[in-house]
PDB file of N, CA and C in Angstrom:
ATOM      1  N   MET A   1     -14.100  -2.010  10.380  1.00  0.00           N
ATOM      2  CA  MET A   1     -15.033  -1.786   9.392  1.00  0.00           C
ATOM      3  C   MET A   1     -15.469  -0.218   9.569  1.00  0.00           C
ATOM      4  N   LEU A   2     -15.553   0.960   8.934  1.00  0.00           N
ATOM      5  CA  LEU A   2     -16.015   2.277   8.783  1.00  0.00           C
ATOM      6  C   LEU A   2     -17.788   2.611   8.886  1.00  0.00           C
ATOM      7  N   THR A   3     -18.068   2.988   9.999  1.00  0.00           N
ATOM      8  CA  THR A   3     -19.760   3.133   9.579  1.00  0.00           C
ATOM      9  C   THR A   3     -19.735   4.368   8.792  1.00  0.00           C
ATOM     10  N   ARG A   4     -21.145   4.282   8.478  1.00  0.00           N
ATOM     11  CA  ARG A   4     -21.516   5.166   7.156  1.00  0.00           C
ATOM     12  C   ARG A   4     -21.500   6.795   8.124  1.00  0.00           C
ATOM     13  N   THR A   5     -21.988   6.836   9.934  1.00  0.00           N
ATOM     14  CA  THR A   5     -21.556   7.639  10.167  1.00  0.00           C
ATOM     15  C   THR A   5     -20.257   8.693  10.070  1.00  0.00           C
ATOM     16  N   PHE A   6     -19.555   7.676  10.574  1.00  0.00           N
ATOM     17  CA  PHE A   6     -17.944   8.103  10.684  1.00  0.00           C
ATOM     18  C   PHE A   6     -17.751   8.685   8.847  1.00  0.00           C
ATOM     19  N   VAL A   7     -17.910   7.507   8.036  1.00  0.00           N
ATOM     20  CA  VAL A   7     -17.468   8.382   6.802  1.00  0.00           C
ATOM     21  C   VAL A   7     -18.027   9.878   6.278  1.00  0.00           C
ATOM     22  N   HIS A   8     -19.491   9.756   6.576  1.00  0.00           N
ATOM     23  CA  HIS A   8     -20.321  10.807   6.652  1.00  0.00           C
ATOM     24  C   HIS A   8     -19.459  12.134   6.854  1.00  0.00           C
ATOM     25  N   ASP A   9     -19.275  12.208   8.462  1.00  0.00           N
ATOM     26  CA  ASP A   9     -18.942  13.044   9.353  1.00  0.00           C
ATOM     27  C   ASP A   9     -17.208  13.461   8.664  1.00  0.00           C
ATOM     28  N   ALA A  10     -16.244  12.185   8.574  1.00  0.00           N
ATOM     29  CA  ALA A  10     -15.128  12.841   7.806  1.00  0.00           C
ATOM     30  C   ALA A  10     -15.472  13.416   6.343  1.00  0.00           C
ATOM     31  N   ASN A  11     -16.055  13.020   5.759  1.00  0.00           N
ATOM     32  CA  ASN A  11     -16.416  13.493   4.089  1.00  0.00           C
ATOM     33  C   ASN A  11     -16.812  15.087   4.586  1.00  0.00           C
ATOM     34  N   GLN A  12     -17.670  15.481   5.284  1.00  0.00           N
ATOM     35  CA  GLN A  12     -18.228  16.992   5.789  1.00  0.00           C
ATOM     36  C   GLN A  12     -17.119  17.669   6.279  1.00  0.00           C
ATOM     37  N   SER A  13     -15.751  16.979   6.893  1.00  0.00           N
ATOM     38  CA  SER A  13     -14.984  17.783   7.542  1.00  0.00           C
ATOM     39  C   SER A  13     -13.634  18.211   6.190  1.00  0.00           C
ATOM     40  N   LEU A  14     -13.695  16.957   5.553  1.00  0.00           N
ATOM     41  CA  LEU A  14     -12.862  17.209   4.726  1.00  0.00           C
ATOM     42  C   LEU A  14     -13.050  18.053   3.343  1.00  0.00           C
ATOM     43  N   HIS A  15     -14.555  18.360   2.924  1.00  0.00           N
ATOM     44  CA  HIS A  15     -15.226  19.228   2.435  1.00  0.00           C
ATOM     45  C   HIS A  15     -15.061  20.785   2.607  1.00  0.00           C
ATOM     46  N   VAL A  16     -14.953  20.802   3.979  1.00  0.00           N
ATOM     47  CA  VAL A  16     -14.958  22.198   4.452  1.00  0.00           C
ATOM     48  C   VAL A  16     -13.358  22.771   4.494  1.00  0.00           C
ATOM     49  N   ILE A  17     -12.603  21.672   4.783  1.00  0.00           N
ATOM     50  CA  ILE A  17     -11.101  22.084   4.611  1.00  0.00           C
ATOM     51  C   ILE A  17     -10.631  22.357   2.801  1.00  0.00           C
ATOM     52  N   ARG A  18     -11.281  21.281   2.518  1.00  0.00           N
ATOM     53  CA  ARG A  18     -10.961  21.765   0.770  1.00  0.00           C
ATOM     54  C   ARG A  18     -11.490  23.267   0.421  1.00  0.00           C
ATOM     55  N   LEU A  19     -12.818  23.622   1.101  1.00  0.00           N
ATOM     56  CA  LEU A  19     -13.364  25.048   0.266  1.00  0.00           C
ATOM     57  C   LEU A  19     -12.509  25.871   1.026  1.00  0.00           C
ATOM     58  N   ALA A  20     -11.878  25.923   2.435  1.00  0.00           N
ATOM     59  CA  ALA A  20     -11.053  26.861   3.139  1.00  0.00           C
ATOM     60  C   ALA A  20      -9.949  26.908   2.116  1.00  0.00           C
ATOM     61  N   ALA A  21      -9.253  25.793   1.623  1.00  0.00           N
ATOM     62  CA  ALA A  21      -8.004  25.903   1.087  1.00  0.00           C
ATOM     63  C   ALA A  21      -8.039  26.794  -0.224  1.00  0.00           C
ATOM     64  N   GLU A  22      -9.151  26.388  -0.886  1.00  0.00           N
ATOM     65  CA  GLU A  22      -9.755  26.847  -2.034  1.00  0.00           C
ATOM     66  C   GLU A  22      -9.781  28.177  -2.026  1.00  0.00           C
ATOM     67  N   ALA A  23     -10.681  28.605  -0.961  1.00  0.00           N
ATOM     68  CA  ALA A  23     -10.610  30.414  -0.641  1.00  0.00           C
ATOM     69  C   ALA A  23      -9.318  30.933  -0.287  1.00  0.00           C
ATOM     70  N   LEU A  24      -8.696  30.340   0.064  1.00  0.00           N
ATOM     71  CA  LEU A  24      -7.262  30.851   0.341  1.00  0.00           C
ATOM     72  C   LEU A  24      -6.438  30.955  -0.438  1.00  0.00           C
ATOM     73  N   ALA A  25      -6.361  29.994  -1.506  1.00  0.00           N
ATOM     74  CA  ALA A  25      -5.505  30.124  -3.059  1.00  0.00           C
ATOM     75  C   ALA A  25      -6.268  31.291  -3.643  1.00  0.00           C
ATOM     76  N   PHE A  26      -7.824  31.173  -3.797  1.00  0.00           N
ATOM     77  CA  PHE A  26      -8.120  32.422  -4.679  1.00  0.00           C
ATOM     78  C   PHE A  26      -8.057  33.796  -4.143  1.00  0.00           C
ATOM     79  N   GLU A  27      -8.433  34.110  -2.842  1.00  0.00           N
ATOM     80  CA  GLU A  27      -8.146  35.074  -2.329  1.00  0.00           C
ATOM     81  C   GLU A  27      -6.715  35.490  -2.188  1.00  0.00           C
ATOM     82  N   HIS A  28      -5.701  34.465  -2.128  1.00  0.00           N
ATOM     83  CA  HIS A  28      -4.471  35.005  -2.694  1.00  0.00           C
ATOM     84  C   HIS A  28      -3.846  35.455  -4.047  1.00  0.00           C
ATOM     85  N   GLY A  29      -4.620  34.652  -4.733  1.00  0.00           N
ATOM     86  CA  GLY A  29      -4.292  35.128  -6.295  1.00  0.00           C
ATOM     87  C   GLY A  29      -5.109  36.440  -6.509  1.00  0.00           C
ATOM     88  N   ASP A  30      -6.010  36.823  -5.773  1.00  0.00           N
ATOM     89  CA  ASP A  30      -6.870  38.126  -6.215  1.00  0.00           C
ATOM     90  C   ASP A  30      -6.275  39.092  -5.483  1.00  0.00           C
ATOM     91  N   GLY A  31      -5.113  38.991  -4.744  1.00  0.00           N
ATOM     92  CA  GLY A  31      -4.299  39.902  -3.679  1.00  0.00           C
ATOM     93  C   GLY A  31      -5.872  40.296  -2.484  1.00  0.00           C
ATOM     94  N   ARG A  32      -6.655  39.358  -2.296  1.00  0.00           N
ATOM     95  CA  ARG A  32      -7.559  40.036  -1.002  1.00  0.00           C
ATOM     96  C   ARG A  32      -7.285  39.301   0.294  1.00  0.00           C
ATOM     97  N   LEU A  33      -5.999  38.760   0.267  1.00  0.00           N
ATOM     98  CA  LEU A  33      -6.159  37.723   1.772  1.00  0.00           C
ATOM     99  C   LEU A  33      -5.070  38.785   2.737  1.00  0.00           C
ATOM    100  N   SER A  34      -6.122  39.109   3.121  1.00  0.00           N
ATOM    101  CA  SER A  34      -6.046  40.119   4.652  1.00  0.00           C
ATOM    102  C   SER A  34      -5.364  39.005   5.933  1.00  0.00           C
ATOM    103  N   ALA A  35      -5.188  39.497   6.544  1.00  0.00           N
ATOM    104  CA  ALA A  35      -4.845  39.047   7.938  1.00  0.00           C
ATOM    105  C   ALA A  35      -5.600  38.312   8.638  1.00  0.00           C
ATOM    106  N   GLU A  36      -6.859  39.023   8.740  1.00  0.00           N
ATOM    107  CA  GLU A  36      -8.261  38.645   9.045  1.00  0.00           C
ATOM    108  C   GLU A  36      -8.899  37.398   8.379  1.00  0.00           C
ATOM    109  N   ARG A  37      -8.845  37.484   7.336  1.00  0.00           N
ATOM    110  CA  ARG A  37      -9.223  36.150   6.530  1.00  0.00           C
ATOM    111  C   ARG A  37      -8.502  35.035   6.241  1.00  0.00           C
ATOM    112  N   LEU A  38      -7.151  35.256   5.995  1.00  0.00           N
ATOM    113  CA  LEU A  38      -6.076  34.002   6.539  1.00  0.00           C
ATOM    114  C   LEU A  38      -6.100  33.505   7.913  1.00  0.00           C
ATOM    115  N   GLN A  39      -6.242  33.907   8.997  1.00  0.00           N
ATOM    116  CA  GLN A  39      -6.985  33.608  10.298  1.00  0.00           C
ATOM    117  C   GLN A  39      -8.087  33.048  10.542  1.00  0.00           C
ATOM    118  N   LYS A  40      -9.100  33.664   9.628  1.00  0.00           N
ATOM    119  CA  LYS A  40     -10.327  32.953   9.548  1.00  0.00           C
ATOM    120  C   LYS A  40     -10.379  31.559   8.804  1.00  0.00           C
ATOM    121  N   ARG A  41      -9.560  31.285   7.553  1.00  0.00           N
ATOM    122  CA  ARG A  41      -9.212  29.980   6.942  1.00  0.00           C
ATOM    123  C   ARG A  41      -8.827  29.122   7.388  1.00  0.00           C
ATOM    124  N   VAL A  42      -7.603  29.591   8.503  1.00  0.00           N
ATOM    125  CA  VAL A  42      -6.704  28.577   9.005  1.00  0.00           C
ATOM    126  C   VAL A  42      -7.433  27.786  10.125  1.00  0.00           C
ATOM    127  N   ALA A  43      -8.106  28.926  10.810  1.00  0.00           N
ATOM    128  CA  ALA A  43      -9.142  28.147  12.042  1.00  0.00           C
ATOM    129  C   ALA A  43      -9.990  27.643  11.570  1.00  0.00           C
ATOM    130  N   ALA A  44     -10.483  27.284  10.537  1.00  0.00           N
ATOM    131  CA  ALA A  44     -11.737  26.517   9.959  1.00  0.00           C
ATOM    132  C   ALA A  44     -11.083  25.026   9.591  1.00  0.00           C
ATOM    133  N   ILE A  45      -9.795  25.227   9.047  1.00  0.00           N
ATOM    134  CA  ILE A  45      -8.950  24.176   8.864  1.00  0.00           C
ATOM    135  C   ILE A  45      -8.529  23.326   9.977  1.00  0.00           C
ATOM    136  N   LEU A  46      -7.955  23.973  10.526  1.00  0.00           N
ATOM    137  CA  LEU A  46      -7.752  23.399  12.178  1.00  0.00           C
ATOM    138  C   LEU A  46      -8.827  22.733  13.105  1.00  0.00           C
ATOM    139  N   SER A  47      -9.726  23.681  12.677  1.00  0.00           N
ATOM    140  CA  SER A  47     -11.055  23.139  13.639  1.00  0.00           C
ATOM    141  C   SER A  47     -11.745  21.628  13.075  1.00  0.00           C
ATOM    142  N   GLN A  48     -11.349  21.532  11.618  1.00  0.00           N
ATOM    143  CA  GLN A  48     -11.924  20.416  11.038  1.00  0.00           C
ATOM    144  C   GLN A  48     -10.888  19.213  11.135  1.00  0.00           C
ATOM    145  N   VAL A  49      -9.639  19.608  11.053  1.00  0.00           N
ATOM    146  CA  VAL A  49      -8.494  18.608  11.343  1.00  0.00           C
ATOM    147  C   VAL A  49      -8.748  18.500  12.488  1.00  0.00           C
ATOM    148  N   ASP A  50      -9.217  18.773  13.717  1.00  0.00           N
ATOM    149  CA  ASP A  50      -9.158  18.355  15.067  1.00  0.00           C
ATOM    150  C   ASP A  50     -10.463  17.595  15.196  1.00  0.00           C
ATOM    151  N   HIS A  51     -11.712  17.773  14.173  1.00  0.00           N
ATOM    152  CA  HIS A  51     -12.771  16.980  14.494  1.00  0.00           C
ATOM    153  C   HIS A  51     -12.375  15.638  13.734  1.00  0.00           C
ATOM    154  N   LEU A  52     -11.510  15.580  12.593  1.00  0.00           N
ATOM    155  CA  LEU A  52     -11.264  14.600  12.106  1.00  0.00           C
ATOM    156  C   LEU A  52     -10.385  13.501  13.404  1.00  0.00           C
ATOM    157  N   THR A  53      -9.863  14.334  13.958  1.00  0.00           N
ATOM    158  CA  THR A  53      -8.751  13.556  14.622  1.00  0.00           C
ATOM    159  C   THR A  53      -9.587  12.849  15.976  1.00  0.00           C
ATOM    160  N   ASP A  54     -10.625  13.429  16.447  1.00  0.00           N
ATOM    161  CA  ASP A  54     -11.513  12.953  17.328  1.00  0.00           C
ATOM    162  C   ASP A  54     -12.111  11.708  16.873  1.00  0.00           C
ATOM    163  N   LEU A  55     -12.707  11.930  15.694  1.00  0.00           N
ATOM    164  CA  LEU A  55     -13.037  10.904  14.962  1.00  0.00           C
ATOM    165  C   LEU A  55     -12.640   9.752  14.772  1.00  0.00           C
ATOM    166  N   VAL A  56     -11.462   9.701  14.238  1.00  0.00           N
ATOM    167  CA  VAL A  56     -10.358   8.338  14.396  1.00  0.00           C
ATOM    168  C   VAL A  56     -10.245   8.044  15.662  1.00  0.00           C
ATOM    169  N   ALA A  57     -10.097   8.854  16.922  1.00  0.00           N
ATOM    170  CA  ALA A  57     -10.053   8.596  17.898  1.00  0.00           C
ATOM    171  C   ALA A  57     -10.992   7.548  18.426  1.00  0.00           C
ATOM    172  N   HIS A  58     -12.351   8.305  18.696  1.00  0.00           N
ATOM    173  CA  HIS A  58     -13.445   7.480  18.920  1.00  0.00           C
ATOM    174  C   HIS A  58     -13.690   6.170  18.344  1.00  0.00           C
ATOM    175  N   ASN A  59     -13.537   6.321  16.636  1.00  0.00           N
ATOM    176  CA  ASN A  59     -13.542   4.869  16.173  1.00  0.00           C
ATOM    177  C   ASN A  59     -13.056   3.971  16.695  1.00  0.00           C
ATOM    178  N   ALA A  60     -11.587   4.524  16.626  1.00  0.00           N
ATOM    179  CA  ALA A  60     -10.400   3.086  17.050  1.00  0.00           C
ATOM    180  C   ALA A  60     -11.035   2.964  18.467  1.00  0.00           C
ATOM    181  N   SER A  61     -11.385   3.635  19.153  1.00  0.00           N
ATOM    182  CA  SER A  61     -11.569   3.326  20.742  1.00  0.00           C
ATOM    183  C   SER A  61     -12.741   2.190  20.662  1.00  0.00           C
ATOM    184  N   ASP A  62     -14.136   2.334  19.590  1.00  0.00           N
ATOM    185  CA  ASP A  62     -14.973   1.720  19.865  1.00  0.00           C
ATOM    186  C   ASP A  62     -14.685   0.214  19.129  1.00  0.00           C
ATOM    187  N   GLU A  63     -13.521   0.118  18.442  1.00  0.00           N
ATOM    188  CA  GLU A  63     -13.301  -1.212  17.951  1.00  0.00           C
ATOM    189  C   GLU A  63     -11.850  -1.696  18.882  1.00  0.00           C
ATOM    190  N   GLY A  64     -11.721  -1.297  19.967  1.00  0.00           N
ATOM    191  CA  GLY A  64     -10.622  -1.928  20.710  1.00  0.00           C
ATOM    192  C   GLY A  64      -9.177  -1.362  20.313  1.00  0.00           C
ATOM    193  N   GLY A  65      -8.938  -0.493  19.275  1.00  0.00           N
ATOM    194  CA  GLY A  65      -7.992   0.027  18.936  1.00  0.00           C
ATOM    195  C   GLY A  65      -7.146   0.892  19.521  1.00  0.00           C
TER     196      GLY A  65
END
């Protein structure tokens, strides 16, 4: 069973990933996607993916999986 904390933390990470992806699409469409902006958005996405991976691993170890 997923805890409320896990669900909340996962949802927060997914929200950040969505915002970063939407910003990438918007900035690309407007021609404002510089290498610096791309690097910043990709770093945010990867950071949140790492956070989600840690959450899942922690949750699995708590449940003996």
